[in-house]
Amino acid sequence: MEKLEFDGRGAVFGRLASKVAKELLKGKSVEVYNCGEILMSGRLDDVKKELLAKIRMGKGGSLKGPKYPRNAEKLVKRMIRGMLPWDRTRGREAYRRLRCFVGEGKNMLRPKEFKYNSLRKAVSINQIIGGLK
């Protein structure tokens, strides 16, 4: 099984996540490094408000969810899960081949297609997580 390593530093989340999901569905094992430095487009207040609303939905004794984690690597992994066909076996098996890390890797890929040229309003996942605590 082929193993791919992606660098999240400065990458726009949607572009990175769609590429990762496609590679997982092809049967490859994928590792994403520097999850805290992945960028999400939008103003910090708007992005934080949307994420807080999702976190609060699962509170109040709900055992079923939705569950949104508060650390960067688990949050990225959870959002990539939304791009996989979770109701099918191949989607669940693909999700098991995904690993996310906050630190550095050895042979990371940094494709140009992940970069956002004119990023006016963008926040990193570390900024979002820092605002939640």
C-alpha atoms as a PDB file:
ATOM      1  CA  MET A   1       0.000   0.000   0.000  1.00  0.00           C
ATOM      2  CA  GLU A   2       1.354   3.382  -0.995  1.00  0.00           C
ATOM      3  CA  LYS A   3       1.797   5.985   1.741  1.00  0.00           C
ATOM      4  CA  LEU A   4       1.488   9.720   1.071  1.00  0.00           C
ATOM      5  CA  GLU A   5       2.459  12.572   3.403  1.00  0.00           C
ATOM      6  CA  PHE A   6       0.940  16.035   2.978  1.00  0.00           C
ATOM      7  CA  ASP A   7       2.146  19.272   4.549  1.00  0.00           C
ATOM      8  CA  GLY A   8      -0.671  21.456   5.844  1.00  0.00           C
ATOM      9  CA  ARG A   9       1.403  24.610   6.403  1.00  0.00           C
ATOM     10  CA  GLY A  10      -0.300  27.421   4.490  1.00  0.00           C
ATOM     11  CA  ALA A  11      -2.676  25.079   2.654  1.00  0.00           C
ATOM     12  CA  VAL A  12      -6.341  25.973   2.240  1.00  0.00           C
ATOM     13  CA  PHE A  13      -8.362  23.352   4.067  1.00  0.00           C
ATOM     14  CA  GLY A  14     -10.954  22.512   1.400  1.00  0.00           C
ATOM     15  CA  ARG A  15      -8.383  21.924  -1.310  1.00  0.00           C
ATOM     16  CA  LEU A  16      -6.193  19.807   0.930  1.00  0.00           C
ATOM     17  CA  ALA A  17      -9.105  17.794   2.317  1.00  0.00           C
ATOM     18  CA  SER A  18     -10.592  16.976  -1.082  1.00  0.00           C
ATOM     19  CA  LYS A  19      -7.218  15.751  -2.355  1.00  0.00           C
ATOM     20  CA  VAL A  20      -6.692  13.666   0.797  1.00  0.00           C
ATOM     21  CA  ALA A  21     -10.179  12.141   0.527  1.00  0.00           C
ATOM     22  CA  LYS A  22      -9.616  11.174  -3.114  1.00  0.00           C
ATOM     23  CA  GLU A  23      -6.288   9.519  -2.314  1.00  0.00           C
ATOM     24  CA  LEU A  24      -7.837   7.623   0.612  1.00  0.00           C
ATOM     25  CA  LEU A  25     -10.613   6.307  -1.620  1.00  0.00           C
ATOM     26  CA  LYS A  26      -7.999   5.105  -4.113  1.00  0.00           C
ATOM     27  CA  GLY A  27      -6.676   2.811  -1.367  1.00  0.00           C
ATOM     28  CA  LYS A  28      -3.614   4.793  -0.301  1.00  0.00           C
ATOM     29  CA  SER A  29      -2.530   5.520   3.254  1.00  0.00           C
ATOM     30  CA  VAL A  30      -2.346   9.278   3.956  1.00  0.00           C
ATOM     31  CA  GLU A  31      -0.642  11.272   6.702  1.00  0.00           C
ATOM     32  CA  VAL A  32      -1.284  15.007   7.144  1.00  0.00           C
ATOM     33  CA  TYR A  33       1.320  17.015   9.062  1.00  0.00           C
ATOM     34  CA  ASN A  34       1.183  20.569  10.502  1.00  0.00           C
ATOM     35  CA  CYS A  35      -2.580  20.385  11.025  1.00  0.00           C
ATOM     36  CA  GLY A  36      -2.602  23.486  13.194  1.00  0.00           C
ATOM     37  CA  GLU A  37      -1.274  25.647  10.367  1.00  0.00           C
ATOM     38  CA  ILE A  38      -3.939  24.748   7.798  1.00  0.00           C
ATOM     39  CA  LEU A  39      -5.865  27.842   6.681  1.00  0.00           C
ATOM     40  CA  MET A  40      -9.617  28.246   6.538  1.00  0.00           C
ATOM     41  CA  SER A  41     -11.036  31.116   4.534  1.00  0.00           C
ATOM     42  CA  GLY A  42     -13.224  33.614   6.322  1.00  0.00           C
ATOM     43  CA  ARG A  43     -13.042  36.013   9.243  1.00  0.00           C
ATOM     44  CA  LEU A  44     -12.037  34.615  12.622  1.00  0.00           C
ATOM     45  CA  ASP A  45     -15.297  35.645  14.295  1.00  0.00           C
ATOM     46  CA  ASP A  46     -17.462  33.977  11.662  1.00  0.00           C
ATOM     47  CA  VAL A  47     -15.505  30.725  11.547  1.00  0.00           C
ATOM     48  CA  LYS A  48     -15.316  30.522  15.339  1.00  0.00           C
ATOM     49  CA  LYS A  49     -19.046  31.206  15.730  1.00  0.00           C
ATOM     50  CA  GLU A  50     -19.936  28.434  13.276  1.00  0.00           C
ATOM     51  CA  LEU A  51     -17.664  25.906  14.973  1.00  0.00           C
ATOM     52  CA  LEU A  52     -18.909  26.839  18.460  1.00  0.00           C
ATOM     53  CA  ALA A  53     -22.495  26.293  17.324  1.00  0.00           C
ATOM     54  CA  LYS A  54     -21.595  22.777  16.187  1.00  0.00           C
ATOM     55  CA  ILE A  55     -19.784  22.034  19.445  1.00  0.00           C
ATOM     56  CA  ARG A  56     -22.724  23.255  21.545  1.00  0.00           C
ATOM     57  CA  MET A  57     -25.207  21.099  19.613  1.00  0.00           C
ATOM     58  CA  GLY A  58     -23.688  17.968  21.144  1.00  0.00           C
ATOM     59  CA  LYS A  59     -23.898  19.259  24.727  1.00  0.00           C
ATOM     60  CA  GLY A  60     -26.705  18.706  27.160  1.00  0.00           C
ATOM     61  CA  GLY A  61     -26.511  14.978  27.729  1.00  0.00           C
ATOM     62  CA  SER A  62     -26.596  13.963  24.096  1.00  0.00           C
ATOM     63  CA  LEU A  63     -24.738  10.678  23.704  1.00  0.00           C
ATOM     64  CA  LYS A  64     -25.081  10.571  19.935  1.00  0.00           C
ATOM     65  CA  GLY A  65     -23.530  13.870  18.961  1.00  0.00           C
ATOM     66  CA  PRO A  66     -22.549  15.696  16.885  1.00  0.00           C
ATOM     67  CA  LYS A  67     -19.120  15.542  18.490  1.00  0.00           C
ATOM     68  CA  TYR A  68     -16.571  18.152  17.441  1.00  0.00           C
ATOM     69  CA  PRO A  69     -13.102  17.877  18.965  1.00  0.00           C
ATOM     70  CA  ARG A  70     -11.144  20.815  20.318  1.00  0.00           C
ATOM     71  CA  ASN A  71      -7.621  19.940  19.190  1.00  0.00           C
ATOM     72  CA  ALA A  72      -6.249  20.565  15.709  1.00  0.00           C
ATOM     73  CA  GLU A  73      -5.391  17.069  14.482  1.00  0.00           C
ATOM     74  CA  LYS A  74      -8.693  15.544  15.584  1.00  0.00           C
ATOM     75  CA  LEU A  75     -10.647  18.475  14.135  1.00  0.00           C
ATOM     76  CA  VAL A  76      -8.942  18.096  10.731  1.00  0.00           C
ATOM     77  CA  LYS A  77      -9.512  14.347  10.760  1.00  0.00           C
ATOM     78  CA  ARG A  78     -13.177  14.855  11.617  1.00  0.00           C
ATOM     79  CA  MET A  79     -13.683  17.386   8.828  1.00  0.00           C
ATOM     80  CA  ILE A  80     -11.993  15.101   6.269  1.00  0.00           C
ATOM     81  CA  ARG A  81     -14.380  12.368   7.388  1.00  0.00           C
ATOM     82  CA  GLY A  82     -17.213  14.530   6.067  1.00  0.00           C
ATOM     83  CA  MET A  83     -15.796  14.145   2.559  1.00  0.00           C
ATOM     84  CA  LEU A  84     -15.803  10.339   2.725  1.00  0.00           C
ATOM     85  CA  PRO A  85     -18.823   8.072   2.085  1.00  0.00           C
ATOM     86  CA  TRP A  86     -19.203   7.161   5.767  1.00  0.00           C
ATOM     87  CA  ASP A  87     -22.329   5.045   5.193  1.00  0.00           C
ATOM     88  CA  ARG A  88     -20.356   2.587   3.032  1.00  0.00           C
ATOM     89  CA  THR A  89     -17.618   0.162   3.992  1.00  0.00           C
ATOM     90  CA  ARG A  90     -15.074   1.692   1.646  1.00  0.00           C
ATOM     91  CA  GLY A  91     -15.495   5.091   3.322  1.00  0.00           C
ATOM     92  CA  ARG A  92     -14.946   3.666   6.795  1.00  0.00           C
ATOM     93  CA  GLU A  93     -11.898   1.702   5.650  1.00  0.00           C
ATOM     94  CA  ALA A  94     -10.498   4.813   3.988  1.00  0.00           C
ATOM     95  CA  TYR A  95     -10.957   6.761   7.224  1.00  0.00           C
ATOM     96  CA  ARG A  96      -8.896   4.160   9.091  1.00  0.00           C
ATOM     97  CA  ARG A  97      -5.968   4.822   6.737  1.00  0.00           C
ATOM     98  CA  LEU A  98      -5.894   8.543   7.629  1.00  0.00           C
ATOM     99  CA  ARG A  99      -3.421   9.912  10.201  1.00  0.00           C
ATOM    100  CA  CYS A 100      -3.170  13.560  11.262  1.00  0.00           C
ATOM    101  CA  PHE A 101      -0.320  15.181  13.210  1.00  0.00           C
ATOM    102  CA  VAL A 102       0.526  18.614  14.580  1.00  0.00           C
ATOM    103  CA  GLY A 103       4.305  18.265  14.082  1.00  0.00           C
ATOM    104  CA  GLU A 104       6.653  17.847  11.121  1.00  0.00           C
ATOM    105  CA  GLY A 105       7.131  14.862   8.814  1.00  0.00           C
ATOM    106  CA  LYS A 106      10.026  13.656   6.660  1.00  0.00           C
ATOM    107  CA  ASN A 107       8.911  13.419   3.015  1.00  0.00           C
ATOM    108  CA  MET A 108       5.998  15.819   2.853  1.00  0.00           C
ATOM    109  CA  LEU A 109       4.305  16.900  -0.379  1.00  0.00           C
ATOM    110  CA  ARG A 110       3.553  20.623  -0.797  1.00  0.00           C
ATOM    111  CA  PRO A 111       1.664  20.950  -4.092  1.00  0.00           C
ATOM    112  CA  LYS A 112       0.988  24.423  -5.462  1.00  0.00           C
ATOM    113  CA  GLU A 113      -2.710  23.621  -5.845  1.00  0.00           C
ATOM    114  CA  PHE A 114      -3.166  23.837  -2.056  1.00  0.00           C
ATOM    115  CA  LYS A 115      -2.040  27.462  -1.921  1.00  0.00           C
ATOM    116  CA  TYR A 116      -4.486  30.336  -2.018  1.00  0.00           C
ATOM    117  CA  ASN A 117      -3.030  33.243  -3.942  1.00  0.00           C
ATOM    118  CA  SER A 118      -4.909  36.259  -2.602  1.00  0.00           C
ATOM    119  CA  LEU A 119      -5.813  35.337   0.929  1.00  0.00           C
ATOM    120  CA  ARG A 120      -7.455  38.396   2.428  1.00  0.00           C
ATOM    121  CA  LYS A 121      -9.429  36.761   5.171  1.00  0.00           C
ATOM    122  CA  ALA A 122      -8.015  33.496   6.410  1.00  0.00           C
ATOM    123  CA  VAL A 123      -7.401  32.000   9.810  1.00  0.00           C
ATOM    124  CA  SER A 124      -5.326  29.031  10.844  1.00  0.00           C
ATOM    125  CA  ILE A 125      -6.838  26.181  12.798  1.00  0.00           C
ATOM    126  CA  ASN A 126      -4.570  27.076  15.741  1.00  0.00           C
ATOM    127  CA  GLN A 127      -6.202  30.525  15.895  1.00  0.00           C
ATOM    128  CA  ILE A 128      -9.678  28.974  15.865  1.00  0.00           C
ATOM    129  CA  ILE A 129      -8.830  26.404  18.544  1.00  0.00           C
ATOM    130  CA  GLY A 130      -7.111  29.068  20.658  1.00  0.00           C
ATOM    131  CA  GLY A 131     -10.261  31.174  20.588  1.00  0.00           C
ATOM    132  CA  LEU A 132     -12.445  28.292  21.766  1.00  0.00           C
ATOM    133  CA  LYS A 133     -10.595  27.629  25.016  1.00  0.00           C
END
